Amino acid sequence: QGSANDPIFLLHHAFVDSIFEQWLRRHHPLQEVYPEANAPIGHNRESYMVPFIPLYRNGDFFISSKDLGYDYSYLQDSGSDSFQDYIKSYLEQAGRIWSWLLGAAMVGAALTALLAGLVSLLCGHKRKQLAEERQPLLMEKEDYHNLLYQSHL
């Protein structure tokens, strides 16, 4: 009996109501969707919500919170796509830092090209030196060019 006096009880039901409001706004159901029969006792569309006075039927509350006189701040712009609402702040941030990101990319590309050029220059000089160093140690220089060179034992 004391659960209705607990602040968590109020917060829980407010949260459930906000989820129900999201569902109503997303699907826009007709009142005929609310079951007229075969629901648990007291949950049919024409059942009264007791002990609340004045008496209202369950189907009377199958409407948007706007029609009941209140609204949720995070649902006020329900006309736009939820993904667009989610990504909107990130796109605004990207718009503010776009020039910095582009500048950093350009500086990074220039540094990468400079380092690649230096590495290719240094490796090119070593390749020329390595060609002379690859000859066998026991071979004479004039025999090096002779492809049919064989050793006789």
N, C-alpha and C. Protein backbone atom coordinates (compact mmCIF):
# COMPACT_ATOMS: atom_id res chain seq x y z
N GLN A 1 0.82 -1.21 0.00
CA GLN A 1 0.00 0.00 0.00
C GLN A 1 0.85 1.26 0.00
N GLY A 2 2.06 1.16 0.50
CA GLY A 2 2.90 2.36 0.57
C GLY A 2 3.70 2.62 -0.69
N SER A 3 3.64 1.72 -1.68
CA SER A 3 4.48 1.90 -2.88
C SER A 3 4.12 3.15 -3.67
N ALA A 4 2.85 3.57 -3.64
CA ALA A 4 2.45 4.76 -4.39
C ALA A 4 3.05 6.02 -3.78
N ASN A 5 3.51 5.96 -2.52
CA ASN A 5 4.14 7.12 -1.88
C ASN A 5 5.64 7.17 -2.12
N ASP A 6 6.19 6.15 -2.73
CA ASP A 6 7.62 6.09 -3.00
C ASP A 6 7.94 6.94 -4.24
N PRO A 7 8.93 7.85 -4.16
CA PRO A 7 9.27 8.67 -5.34
C PRO A 7 9.69 7.84 -6.55
N ILE A 8 10.31 6.69 -6.32
CA ILE A 8 10.70 5.82 -7.43
C ILE A 8 9.47 5.34 -8.20
N PHE A 9 8.38 5.10 -7.50
CA PHE A 9 7.13 4.68 -8.13
C PHE A 9 6.68 5.73 -9.13
N LEU A 10 6.71 6.99 -8.73
CA LEU A 10 6.31 8.09 -9.61
C LEU A 10 7.26 8.18 -10.81
N LEU A 11 8.57 8.10 -10.57
CA LEU A 11 9.54 8.19 -11.67
C LEU A 11 9.38 7.02 -12.64
N HIS A 12 9.15 5.84 -12.11
CA HIS A 12 8.96 4.66 -12.97
C HIS A 12 7.76 4.84 -13.88
N HIS A 13 6.64 5.29 -13.33
CA HIS A 13 5.44 5.44 -14.15
C HIS A 13 5.56 6.61 -15.13
N ALA A 14 6.30 7.64 -14.76
CA ALA A 14 6.55 8.73 -15.71
C ALA A 14 7.40 8.22 -16.88
N PHE A 15 8.38 7.37 -16.57
CA PHE A 15 9.22 6.81 -17.63
C PHE A 15 8.41 5.89 -18.54
N VAL A 16 7.57 5.06 -17.96
CA VAL A 16 6.72 4.17 -18.75
C VAL A 16 5.79 5.00 -19.64
N ASP A 17 5.28 6.09 -19.09
CA ASP A 17 4.41 6.98 -19.88
C ASP A 17 5.18 7.60 -21.04
N SER A 18 6.44 7.97 -20.83
CA SER A 18 7.21 8.55 -21.93
C SER A 18 7.50 7.52 -23.02
N ILE A 19 7.72 6.27 -22.63
CA ILE A 19 7.92 5.20 -23.62
C ILE A 19 6.63 4.99 -24.42
N PHE A 20 5.50 4.99 -23.73
CA PHE A 20 4.21 4.84 -24.40
C PHE A 20 3.97 6.01 -25.37
N GLU A 21 4.37 7.21 -24.96
CA GLU A 21 4.21 8.38 -25.83
C GLU A 21 5.08 8.25 -27.08
N GLN A 22 6.29 7.75 -26.93
CA GLN A 22 7.16 7.52 -28.10
C GLN A 22 6.49 6.53 -29.06
N TRP A 23 5.93 5.46 -28.51
CA TRP A 23 5.27 4.46 -29.34
C TRP A 23 4.07 5.07 -30.07
N LEU A 24 3.27 5.87 -29.35
CA LEU A 24 2.11 6.51 -29.99
C LEU A 24 2.54 7.42 -31.13
N ARG A 25 3.58 8.19 -30.92
CA ARG A 25 4.03 9.13 -31.97
C ARG A 25 4.66 8.40 -33.14
N ARG A 26 5.30 7.30 -32.89
CA ARG A 26 5.95 6.56 -33.97
C ARG A 26 4.94 5.82 -34.84
N HIS A 27 3.92 5.20 -34.21
CA HIS A 27 3.01 4.33 -34.96
C HIS A 27 1.64 4.96 -35.27
N HIS A 28 1.27 6.01 -34.60
CA HIS A 28 -0.02 6.69 -34.81
C HIS A 28 -1.18 5.69 -34.90
N PRO A 29 -1.39 4.88 -33.84
CA PRO A 29 -2.45 3.87 -33.92
C PRO A 29 -3.84 4.48 -33.76
N LEU A 30 -4.80 3.82 -34.34
CA LEU A 30 -6.19 4.22 -34.15
C LEU A 30 -6.67 3.69 -32.80
N GLN A 31 -7.73 4.30 -32.26
CA GLN A 31 -8.23 3.86 -30.96
C GLN A 31 -8.77 2.43 -31.02
N GLU A 32 -9.14 1.98 -32.22
CA GLU A 32 -9.66 0.64 -32.37
C GLU A 32 -8.60 -0.43 -32.11
N VAL A 33 -7.31 -0.03 -32.10
CA VAL A 33 -6.25 -0.98 -31.82
C VAL A 33 -6.30 -1.40 -30.35
N TYR A 34 -6.73 -0.49 -29.48
CA TYR A 34 -6.84 -0.81 -28.06
C TYR A 34 -7.91 -1.89 -27.90
N PRO A 35 -7.60 -3.00 -27.23
CA PRO A 35 -8.55 -4.12 -27.20
C PRO A 35 -9.87 -3.77 -26.50
N GLU A 36 -10.95 -4.13 -27.16
CA GLU A 36 -12.27 -3.88 -26.59
C GLU A 36 -12.68 -5.03 -25.67
N ALA A 37 -12.09 -6.21 -25.89
CA ALA A 37 -12.42 -7.38 -25.07
C ALA A 37 -11.20 -8.29 -25.00
N ASN A 38 -11.28 -9.27 -24.12
CA ASN A 38 -10.24 -10.29 -23.95
C ASN A 38 -8.93 -9.77 -23.37
N ALA A 39 -8.90 -8.57 -22.82
CA ALA A 39 -7.73 -8.07 -22.11
C ALA A 39 -7.88 -8.47 -20.64
N PRO A 40 -6.83 -8.37 -19.83
CA PRO A 40 -6.99 -8.66 -18.40
C PRO A 40 -8.09 -7.79 -17.79
N ILE A 41 -8.63 -8.23 -16.70
CA ILE A 41 -9.73 -7.52 -16.05
C ILE A 41 -9.33 -6.07 -15.77
N GLY A 42 -10.17 -5.15 -16.19
CA GLY A 42 -9.93 -3.72 -15.99
C GLY A 42 -9.07 -3.07 -17.05
N HIS A 43 -8.63 -3.82 -18.08
CA HIS A 43 -7.73 -3.27 -19.10
C HIS A 43 -8.36 -3.20 -20.49
N ASN A 44 -9.63 -3.49 -20.62
CA ASN A 44 -10.30 -3.34 -21.91
C ASN A 44 -10.52 -1.86 -22.20
N ARG A 45 -10.78 -1.56 -23.45
CA ARG A 45 -10.94 -0.17 -23.88
C ARG A 45 -12.07 0.54 -23.15
N GLU A 46 -13.16 -0.14 -22.91
CA GLU A 46 -14.33 0.49 -22.28
C GLU A 46 -14.35 0.33 -20.76
N SER A 47 -13.32 -0.26 -20.17
CA SER A 47 -13.26 -0.40 -18.71
C SER A 47 -12.92 0.95 -18.09
N TYR A 48 -13.47 1.20 -16.91
CA TYR A 48 -13.18 2.45 -16.20
C TYR A 48 -11.88 2.31 -15.42
N MET A 49 -11.15 3.41 -15.34
CA MET A 49 -9.91 3.44 -14.57
C MET A 49 -10.27 3.82 -13.13
N VAL A 50 -10.51 2.83 -12.32
CA VAL A 50 -10.85 3.09 -10.92
C VAL A 50 -9.58 3.04 -10.11
N PRO A 51 -9.40 3.73 -9.09
CA PRO A 51 -10.31 4.54 -8.29
C PRO A 51 -10.25 6.02 -8.66
N PHE A 52 -9.83 6.35 -9.87
CA PHE A 52 -9.69 7.76 -10.23
C PHE A 52 -11.04 8.41 -10.46
N ILE A 53 -11.18 9.60 -9.93
CA ILE A 53 -12.43 10.35 -10.08
C ILE A 53 -12.06 11.68 -10.70
N PRO A 54 -12.67 12.15 -11.70
CA PRO A 54 -13.83 11.61 -12.39
C PRO A 54 -13.46 10.34 -13.15
N LEU A 55 -14.47 9.53 -13.41
CA LEU A 55 -14.26 8.25 -14.07
C LEU A 55 -13.97 8.44 -15.56
N TYR A 56 -12.89 7.85 -15.98
CA TYR A 56 -12.52 7.84 -17.40
C TYR A 56 -12.33 6.39 -17.82
N ARG A 57 -12.57 6.14 -19.08
CA ARG A 57 -12.34 4.81 -19.63
C ARG A 57 -10.88 4.72 -20.09
N ASN A 58 -10.37 3.50 -20.16
CA ASN A 58 -8.99 3.29 -20.61
C ASN A 58 -8.76 3.85 -22.02
N GLY A 59 -9.73 3.66 -22.88
CA GLY A 59 -9.61 4.16 -24.25
C GLY A 59 -9.51 5.67 -24.34
N ASP A 60 -10.00 6.38 -23.31
CA ASP A 60 -9.92 7.84 -23.32
C ASP A 60 -8.48 8.33 -23.21
N PHE A 61 -7.59 7.49 -22.68
CA PHE A 61 -6.19 7.89 -22.51
C PHE A 61 -5.28 7.31 -23.59
N PHE A 62 -5.87 6.74 -24.61
CA PHE A 62 -5.11 6.20 -25.74
C PHE A 62 -4.90 7.31 -26.75
N ILE A 63 -4.46 8.46 -26.26
CA ILE A 63 -4.21 9.64 -27.08
C ILE A 63 -2.86 10.23 -26.68
N SER A 64 -2.38 11.14 -27.49
CA SER A 64 -1.08 11.75 -27.26
C SER A 64 -1.07 12.60 -26.00
N SER A 65 0.10 12.74 -25.39
CA SER A 65 0.23 13.57 -24.19
C SER A 65 -0.07 15.04 -24.49
N LYS A 66 0.15 15.47 -25.72
CA LYS A 66 -0.18 16.85 -26.10
C LYS A 66 -1.68 17.11 -25.92
N ASP A 67 -2.48 16.11 -26.28
CA ASP A 67 -3.94 16.26 -26.15
C ASP A 67 -4.36 16.26 -24.68
N LEU A 68 -3.52 15.69 -23.82
CA LEU A 68 -3.83 15.66 -22.39
C LEU A 68 -3.27 16.89 -21.65
N GLY A 69 -2.51 17.74 -22.35
CA GLY A 69 -2.05 19.00 -21.77
C GLY A 69 -0.61 19.01 -21.29
N TYR A 70 0.17 18.00 -21.63
CA TYR A 70 1.60 18.03 -21.28
C TYR A 70 2.40 17.41 -22.41
N ASP A 71 3.71 17.68 -22.38
CA ASP A 71 4.58 17.18 -23.44
C ASP A 71 5.96 16.91 -22.85
N TYR A 72 6.72 16.07 -23.51
CA TYR A 72 8.09 15.76 -23.10
C TYR A 72 9.04 16.60 -23.93
N SER A 73 10.02 17.21 -23.28
CA SER A 73 10.91 18.13 -23.98
C SER A 73 11.73 17.42 -25.07
N TYR A 74 12.13 16.18 -24.84
CA TYR A 74 12.93 15.49 -25.85
C TYR A 74 12.09 14.96 -27.01
N LEU A 75 10.77 15.06 -26.91
CA LEU A 75 9.89 14.60 -27.99
C LEU A 75 9.21 15.75 -28.72
N GLN A 76 9.56 16.99 -28.41
CA GLN A 76 8.82 18.12 -28.97
C GLN A 76 8.96 18.23 -30.48
N ASP A 77 10.12 17.89 -31.03
CA ASP A 77 10.29 17.94 -32.48
C ASP A 77 10.14 16.54 -33.05
N SER A 78 8.97 15.98 -32.92
CA SER A 78 8.76 14.60 -33.37
C SER A 78 8.57 14.50 -34.88
N GLY A 79 8.49 15.63 -35.59
CA GLY A 79 8.28 15.59 -37.02
C GLY A 79 9.50 15.15 -37.79
N SER A 80 10.70 15.32 -37.22
CA SER A 80 11.90 14.95 -37.94
C SER A 80 12.31 13.52 -37.60
N ASP A 81 13.20 12.98 -38.40
CA ASP A 81 13.66 11.61 -38.22
C ASP A 81 14.53 11.49 -36.97
N SER A 82 14.36 10.43 -36.21
CA SER A 82 15.11 10.27 -34.96
C SER A 82 16.61 10.15 -35.22
N PHE A 83 17.03 9.52 -36.33
CA PHE A 83 18.45 9.42 -36.64
C PHE A 83 19.03 10.80 -36.91
N GLN A 84 18.28 11.65 -37.60
CA GLN A 84 18.75 13.00 -37.87
C GLN A 84 18.89 13.78 -36.57
N ASP A 85 17.97 13.59 -35.64
CA ASP A 85 18.08 14.26 -34.35
C ASP A 85 19.32 13.78 -33.61
N TYR A 86 19.61 12.50 -33.71
CA TYR A 86 20.75 11.93 -33.01
C TYR A 86 22.07 12.46 -33.57
N ILE A 87 22.17 12.54 -34.89
CA ILE A 87 23.44 12.90 -35.51
C ILE A 87 23.62 14.41 -35.67
N LYS A 88 22.56 15.17 -35.47
CA LYS A 88 22.58 16.62 -35.71
C LYS A 88 23.69 17.32 -34.91
N SER A 89 23.84 17.00 -33.62
CA SER A 89 24.85 17.67 -32.80
C SER A 89 26.26 17.34 -33.28
N TYR A 90 26.46 16.09 -33.73
CA TYR A 90 27.78 15.71 -34.22
C TYR A 90 28.12 16.44 -35.52
N LEU A 91 27.14 16.62 -36.37
CA LEU A 91 27.37 17.35 -37.62
C LEU A 91 27.65 18.82 -37.34
N GLU A 92 26.99 19.40 -36.36
CA GLU A 92 27.27 20.79 -35.98
C GLU A 92 28.70 20.93 -35.47
N GLN A 93 29.15 19.99 -34.64
CA GLN A 93 30.53 20.02 -34.15
C GLN A 93 31.51 19.88 -35.30
N ALA A 94 31.24 18.96 -36.21
CA ALA A 94 32.13 18.76 -37.35
C ALA A 94 32.18 20.01 -38.22
N GLY A 95 31.07 20.71 -38.35
CA GLY A 95 31.05 21.95 -39.12
C GLY A 95 31.93 23.03 -38.49
N ARG A 96 31.98 23.06 -37.15
CA ARG A 96 32.79 24.08 -36.48
C ARG A 96 34.28 23.77 -36.59
N ILE A 97 34.66 22.50 -36.64
CA ILE A 97 36.09 22.16 -36.66
C ILE A 97 36.54 21.68 -38.04
N TRP A 98 35.70 21.82 -39.05
CA TRP A 98 36.02 21.33 -40.39
C TRP A 98 37.31 21.93 -40.93
N SER A 99 37.49 23.23 -40.80
CA SER A 99 38.69 23.88 -41.33
C SER A 99 39.95 23.36 -40.64
N TRP A 100 39.87 23.12 -39.34
CA TRP A 100 41.02 22.58 -38.61
C TRP A 100 41.33 21.16 -39.07
N LEU A 101 40.31 20.36 -39.28
CA LEU A 101 40.53 18.99 -39.74
C LEU A 101 41.14 18.96 -41.14
N LEU A 102 40.66 19.83 -42.01
CA LEU A 102 41.20 19.91 -43.36
C LEU A 102 42.66 20.37 -43.34
N GLY A 103 42.96 21.37 -42.51
CA GLY A 103 44.34 21.85 -42.38
C GLY A 103 45.26 20.77 -41.84
N ALA A 104 44.82 20.04 -40.84
CA ALA A 104 45.64 18.96 -40.28
C ALA A 104 45.88 17.86 -41.33
N ALA A 105 44.88 17.56 -42.14
CA ALA A 105 45.05 16.56 -43.18
C ALA A 105 46.06 17.02 -44.23
N MET A 106 46.01 18.30 -44.58
CA MET A 106 46.95 18.83 -45.58
C MET A 106 48.39 18.82 -45.03
N VAL A 107 48.57 19.24 -43.80
CA VAL A 107 49.91 19.23 -43.19
C VAL A 107 50.41 17.79 -43.09
N GLY A 108 49.55 16.86 -42.68
CA GLY A 108 49.94 15.46 -42.60
C GLY A 108 50.34 14.89 -43.96
N ALA A 109 49.60 15.25 -45.01
CA ALA A 109 49.93 14.77 -46.35
C ALA A 109 51.27 15.34 -46.82
N ALA A 110 51.53 16.62 -46.52
CA ALA A 110 52.80 17.23 -46.91
C ALA A 110 53.97 16.58 -46.17
N LEU A 111 53.81 16.33 -44.89
CA LEU A 111 54.88 15.67 -44.13
C LEU A 111 55.12 14.25 -44.61
N THR A 112 54.06 13.54 -44.94
CA THR A 112 54.20 12.17 -45.46
C THR A 112 54.92 12.16 -46.79
N ALA A 113 54.60 13.10 -47.68
CA ALA A 113 55.28 13.19 -48.97
C ALA A 113 56.75 13.53 -48.78
N LEU A 114 57.07 14.43 -47.86
CA LEU A 114 58.46 14.82 -47.60
C LEU A 114 59.25 13.63 -47.06
N LEU A 115 58.68 12.91 -46.10
CA LEU A 115 59.38 11.75 -45.54
C LEU A 115 59.54 10.65 -46.59
N ALA A 116 58.56 10.43 -47.43
CA ALA A 116 58.66 9.42 -48.48
C ALA A 116 59.75 9.79 -49.47
N GLY A 117 59.87 11.06 -49.81
CA GLY A 117 60.92 11.51 -50.71
C GLY A 117 62.31 11.31 -50.11
N LEU A 118 62.46 11.64 -48.83
CA LEU A 118 63.76 11.44 -48.18
C LEU A 118 64.13 9.97 -48.11
N VAL A 119 63.18 9.13 -47.78
CA VAL A 119 63.45 7.69 -47.70
C VAL A 119 63.83 7.14 -49.07
N SER A 120 63.15 7.56 -50.11
CA SER A 120 63.49 7.06 -51.46
C SER A 120 64.86 7.54 -51.90
N LEU A 121 65.25 8.76 -51.54
CA LEU A 121 66.59 9.26 -51.88
C LEU A 121 67.66 8.46 -51.15
N LEU A 122 67.46 8.22 -49.88
CA LEU A 122 68.45 7.47 -49.09
C LEU A 122 68.54 6.03 -49.55
N CYS A 123 67.45 5.41 -49.88
CA CYS A 123 67.46 4.02 -50.34
C CYS A 123 68.05 3.91 -51.73
N GLY A 124 67.88 4.92 -52.57
CA GLY A 124 68.44 4.91 -53.92
C GLY A 124 69.96 4.92 -53.90
N HIS A 125 70.59 5.69 -52.99
CA HIS A 125 72.05 5.71 -52.89
C HIS A 125 72.58 4.38 -52.37
N LYS A 126 71.90 3.75 -51.47
CA LYS A 126 72.35 2.47 -50.94
C LYS A 126 72.26 1.37 -51.98
N ARG A 127 71.29 1.41 -52.86
CA ARG A 127 71.15 0.39 -53.89
C ARG A 127 72.33 0.42 -54.86
N LYS A 128 72.80 1.63 -55.19
CA LYS A 128 73.95 1.74 -56.10
C LYS A 128 75.20 1.16 -55.44
N GLN A 129 75.35 1.38 -54.16
CA GLN A 129 76.52 0.85 -53.46
C GLN A 129 76.43 -0.66 -53.30
N LEU A 130 75.27 -1.20 -53.13
CA LEU A 130 75.10 -2.62 -52.90
C LEU A 130 75.39 -3.46 -54.15
N ALA A 131 75.26 -2.90 -55.33
CA ALA A 131 75.49 -3.66 -56.55
C ALA A 131 76.95 -4.12 -56.63
N GLU A 132 77.89 -3.29 -56.24
CA GLU A 132 79.30 -3.68 -56.27
C GLU A 132 79.64 -4.60 -55.11
N GLU A 133 78.96 -4.52 -54.03
CA GLU A 133 79.26 -5.33 -52.87
C GLU A 133 78.71 -6.74 -52.98
N ARG A 134 77.91 -7.06 -53.93
CA ARG A 134 77.29 -8.37 -54.03
C ARG A 134 78.17 -9.41 -54.75
N GLN A 135 79.30 -9.04 -55.27
CA GLN A 135 80.13 -10.02 -55.97
C GLN A 135 80.77 -10.99 -54.98
N PRO A 136 80.98 -12.22 -55.43
CA PRO A 136 81.59 -13.22 -54.53
C PRO A 136 82.98 -12.81 -54.11
N LEU A 137 83.38 -13.23 -52.95
CA LEU A 137 84.68 -12.84 -52.42
C LEU A 137 85.83 -13.57 -53.11
N LEU A 138 85.63 -14.79 -53.59
CA LEU A 138 86.70 -15.59 -54.18
C LEU A 138 86.84 -15.39 -55.68
N MET A 139 85.99 -14.64 -56.27
CA MET A 139 85.98 -14.46 -57.71
C MET A 139 86.79 -13.22 -58.08
N GLU A 140 87.47 -13.29 -59.17
CA GLU A 140 88.19 -12.13 -59.69
C GLU A 140 87.20 -11.24 -60.42
N LYS A 141 87.55 -9.98 -60.55
CA LYS A 141 86.63 -9.02 -61.14
C LYS A 141 86.34 -9.35 -62.59
N GLU A 142 87.35 -9.81 -63.38
CA GLU A 142 87.11 -10.13 -64.77
C GLU A 142 86.27 -11.40 -64.91
N ASP A 143 86.37 -12.31 -63.94
CA ASP A 143 85.56 -13.53 -63.98
C ASP A 143 84.11 -13.26 -63.57
N TYR A 144 83.90 -12.17 -62.93
CA TYR A 144 82.56 -11.85 -62.43
C TYR A 144 81.57 -11.70 -63.57
N HIS A 145 82.05 -11.19 -64.72
CA HIS A 145 81.16 -10.96 -65.86
C HIS A 145 80.98 -12.21 -66.70
N ASN A 146 81.78 -13.23 -66.48
CA ASN A 146 81.67 -14.47 -67.21
C ASN A 146 80.57 -15.32 -66.56
N LEU A 147 79.48 -15.53 -67.28
CA LEU A 147 78.35 -16.25 -66.71
C LEU A 147 78.59 -17.75 -66.64
N LEU A 148 79.54 -18.25 -67.41
CA LEU A 148 79.80 -19.70 -67.42
C LEU A 148 80.90 -20.08 -66.44
N TYR A 149 81.17 -19.24 -65.54
CA TYR A 149 82.27 -19.50 -64.58
C TYR A 149 81.91 -20.69 -63.71
N GLN A 150 82.82 -21.68 -63.67
CA GLN A 150 82.66 -22.84 -62.80
C GLN A 150 84.00 -23.10 -62.15
N SER A 151 83.95 -23.59 -60.95
CA SER A 151 85.21 -23.91 -60.27
C SER A 151 85.55 -25.38 -60.55
N HIS A 152 86.82 -25.66 -60.73
CA HIS A 152 87.27 -27.02 -60.99
C HIS A 152 87.99 -27.49 -59.78
N LEU A 153 87.63 -28.63 -59.29
CA LEU A 153 88.32 -29.20 -58.14
C LEU A 153 89.31 -30.23 -58.57
